[in-house]
């Protein structure tokens, strides 16, 4: 089974109101950022009848069509994966009056967001997704110890953050 690498770190962001200061948390580590070409090759190696170039072509077409649909104010739902949609980021302070609002002046950016599918069959919500994961502390991996931890209920944390790493800025 695939394993998720993490490191344990101490929150050294001093904030007089923070209960997180001085506590230890997990930070996920990535070993690689896969390119579209590498992902297409990986897909084609999974018993697909489609060659790497065909898979990559479909992925490129998906990307361009996804952007096109988002720019037409549509959400795009990929069954079993989730929904892509846009959000707007406005300038701090906004406009004092509705009639004074100007898109060119007050709109700062558009962001593509993703909401994981949460249907019973393909639940990718964070609380369900963690149950499917196995974890390896990168410190142990580097020292040769590959003891695993699972994300199932037996090892999950039901504390105030529900097992999630709190955002030190909150």
Protein backbone atom coordinates (compact mmCIF):
# COMPACT_ATOMS: atom_id res chain seq x y z
CA UNK A 1 0.00 0.00 0.00
CA UNK A 2 1.11 3.55 -0.65
CA UNK A 3 2.37 5.57 2.26
CA UNK A 4 2.05 9.22 3.18
CA UNK A 5 5.26 10.76 4.51
CA UNK A 6 5.17 13.27 7.33
CA UNK A 7 7.52 15.05 9.68
CA UNK A 8 6.83 16.17 13.22
CA UNK A 9 7.51 19.84 13.94
CA UNK A 10 7.17 22.18 16.89
CA UNK A 11 4.99 25.27 16.50
CA UNK A 12 7.36 28.12 17.37
CA UNK A 13 5.02 30.92 16.28
CA UNK A 14 4.59 32.87 19.49
CA UNK A 15 1.11 34.24 20.01
CA UNK A 16 -0.08 35.06 23.50
CA UNK A 17 -3.59 33.80 22.69
CA UNK A 18 -2.50 30.62 20.94
CA UNK A 19 -2.86 27.27 22.69
CA UNK A 20 -0.82 25.79 19.82
CA UNK A 21 2.48 27.50 20.69
CA UNK A 22 5.13 25.00 21.77
CA UNK A 23 3.04 21.99 20.70
CA UNK A 24 4.08 19.34 18.19
CA UNK A 25 2.23 18.70 14.92
CA UNK A 26 2.54 16.69 11.70
CA UNK A 27 3.46 18.27 8.36
CA UNK A 28 3.02 16.17 5.23
CA UNK A 29 6.04 15.80 2.95
CA UNK A 30 6.01 15.24 -0.81
CA UNK A 31 8.78 13.39 -2.58
CA UNK A 32 7.84 14.61 -6.06
CA UNK A 33 5.49 16.84 -8.02
CA UNK A 34 4.36 14.73 -10.95
CA UNK A 35 4.08 16.39 -14.33
CA UNK A 36 1.10 15.75 -16.56
CA UNK A 37 3.37 13.64 -18.80
CA UNK A 38 4.49 11.45 -15.87
CA UNK A 39 0.90 11.04 -14.65
CA UNK A 40 -0.22 10.10 -18.17
CA UNK A 41 2.56 7.50 -18.33
CA UNK A 42 1.52 6.15 -14.93
CA UNK A 43 -2.12 5.88 -16.04
CA UNK A 44 -1.16 4.11 -19.27
CA UNK A 45 0.87 1.58 -17.26
CA UNK A 46 -2.19 0.57 -15.21
CA UNK A 47 -3.51 -1.86 -17.80
CA UNK A 48 -4.98 0.90 -19.95
CA UNK A 49 -5.55 0.25 -23.64
CA UNK A 50 -4.58 3.88 -24.25
CA UNK A 51 -0.99 4.88 -24.81
CA UNK A 52 0.75 7.57 -22.81
CA UNK A 53 0.34 10.19 -25.56
CA UNK A 54 -3.41 9.54 -25.87
CA UNK A 55 -3.90 9.80 -22.09
CA UNK A 56 -1.88 13.02 -21.98
CA UNK A 57 -3.91 14.43 -24.88
CA UNK A 58 -7.18 13.72 -23.05
CA UNK A 59 -5.79 15.30 -19.87
CA UNK A 60 -4.73 18.45 -21.77
CA UNK A 61 -8.18 18.68 -23.37
CA UNK A 62 -9.79 18.20 -19.94
CA UNK A 63 -7.69 21.05 -18.54
CA UNK A 64 -8.56 23.48 -21.33
CA UNK A 65 -12.27 22.57 -21.21
CA UNK A 66 -12.31 22.82 -17.41
CA UNK A 67 -10.94 26.37 -17.59
CA UNK A 68 -13.39 27.24 -20.37
CA UNK A 69 -16.38 26.01 -18.33
CA UNK A 70 -15.22 27.74 -15.14
CA UNK A 71 -14.89 31.01 -17.07
CA UNK A 72 -18.51 30.52 -18.20
CA UNK A 73 -19.61 30.54 -14.52
CA UNK A 74 -20.11 26.78 -14.44
CA UNK A 75 -18.97 24.33 -11.78
CA UNK A 76 -17.45 21.10 -13.10
CA UNK A 77 -18.23 17.88 -11.23
CA UNK A 78 -16.06 14.85 -11.92
CA UNK A 79 -17.98 11.88 -10.53
CA UNK A 80 -16.03 10.02 -7.85
CA UNK A 81 -13.45 12.81 -7.58
CA UNK A 82 -15.14 16.11 -6.78
CA UNK A 83 -16.22 19.51 -8.03
CA UNK A 84 -14.10 22.34 -9.42
CA UNK A 85 -15.42 25.90 -9.04
CA UNK A 86 -14.24 29.53 -8.95
CA UNK A 87 -14.09 31.93 -6.04
CA UNK A 88 -13.36 35.65 -6.12
CA UNK A 89 -10.85 37.47 -3.95
CA UNK A 90 -11.68 41.13 -3.42
CA UNK A 91 -9.42 44.00 -2.39
CA UNK A 92 -9.24 44.53 1.35
CA UNK A 93 -11.74 47.12 2.44
CA UNK A 94 -14.15 46.54 -0.44
CA UNK A 95 -16.50 49.25 -1.61
CA UNK A 96 -18.50 51.46 0.75
CA UNK A 97 -21.57 51.44 -1.52
CA UNK A 98 -22.96 48.86 -3.92
CA UNK A 99 -23.17 51.42 -6.73
CA UNK A 100 -19.46 52.27 -6.24
CA UNK A 101 -18.31 48.66 -6.64
CA UNK A 102 -16.10 48.28 -9.72
CA UNK A 103 -14.80 44.86 -10.79
CA UNK A 104 -11.53 46.25 -12.17
CA UNK A 105 -10.89 48.18 -8.97
CA UNK A 106 -12.25 45.88 -6.26
CA UNK A 107 -11.74 42.37 -7.62
CA UNK A 108 -8.20 41.20 -6.87
CA UNK A 109 -8.10 37.60 -8.18
CA UNK A 110 -10.01 34.48 -9.22
CA UNK A 111 -9.13 31.16 -7.62
CA UNK A 112 -9.89 27.64 -8.82
CA UNK A 113 -11.17 25.62 -5.87
CA UNK A 114 -11.85 21.92 -5.46
CA UNK A 115 -14.39 20.19 -3.24
CA UNK A 116 -13.78 16.42 -2.87
CA UNK A 117 -16.64 14.04 -3.64
CA UNK A 118 -18.46 12.99 -0.50
CA UNK A 119 -20.84 10.35 -1.82
CA UNK A 120 -20.89 7.16 0.22
CA UNK A 121 -19.13 5.12 -2.48
CA UNK A 122 -16.29 7.55 -3.26
CA UNK A 123 -16.10 9.63 -0.09
CA UNK A 124 -12.95 11.73 -0.34
CA UNK A 125 -13.84 14.00 2.57
CA UNK A 126 -10.92 14.54 4.91
CA UNK A 127 -12.35 12.39 7.72
CA UNK A 128 -12.99 9.43 5.40
CA UNK A 129 -9.84 9.86 3.27
CA UNK A 130 -7.58 9.59 6.33
CA UNK A 131 -9.02 6.14 7.08
CA UNK A 132 -7.58 4.89 3.77
CA UNK A 133 -4.08 6.20 4.47
CA UNK A 134 -0.93 4.74 5.97
CA UNK A 135 1.70 7.10 7.34
CA UNK A 136 5.48 6.91 7.73
CA UNK A 137 7.45 9.46 9.73
CA UNK A 138 10.15 10.72 7.36
CA UNK A 139 12.63 10.77 10.28
CA UNK A 140 12.09 7.04 10.78
CA UNK A 141 12.35 6.41 7.04
CA UNK A 142 15.70 8.18 6.84
CA UNK A 143 16.97 6.12 9.77
CA UNK A 144 15.76 2.87 8.18
CA UNK A 145 12.76 2.33 10.47
CA UNK A 146 9.64 1.96 8.31
CA UNK A 147 7.05 1.42 11.05
CA UNK A 148 3.67 2.42 9.71
CA UNK A 149 0.71 4.15 11.25
CA UNK A 150 -2.76 3.87 9.80
CA UNK A 151 -5.35 6.59 9.61
CA UNK A 152 -8.16 4.37 10.86
CA UNK A 153 -10.33 5.16 13.87
CA UNK A 154 -8.09 3.26 16.27
CA UNK A 155 -5.26 5.76 15.81
CA UNK A 156 -7.23 8.93 15.07
CA UNK A 157 -7.24 11.90 17.40
CA UNK A 158 -10.63 13.12 18.57
CA UNK A 159 -9.17 16.14 20.37
CA UNK A 160 -10.27 19.72 19.74
CA UNK A 161 -8.95 19.69 16.17
CA UNK A 162 -10.27 16.22 15.30
CA UNK A 163 -6.79 15.00 14.44
CA UNK A 164 -6.14 17.82 11.99
CA UNK A 165 -3.12 20.06 12.29
CA UNK A 166 -4.37 23.46 13.38
CA UNK A 167 -3.40 26.52 11.39
CA UNK A 168 -1.02 28.53 13.59
CA UNK A 169 -2.49 31.72 12.11
CA UNK A 170 -5.99 30.96 13.45
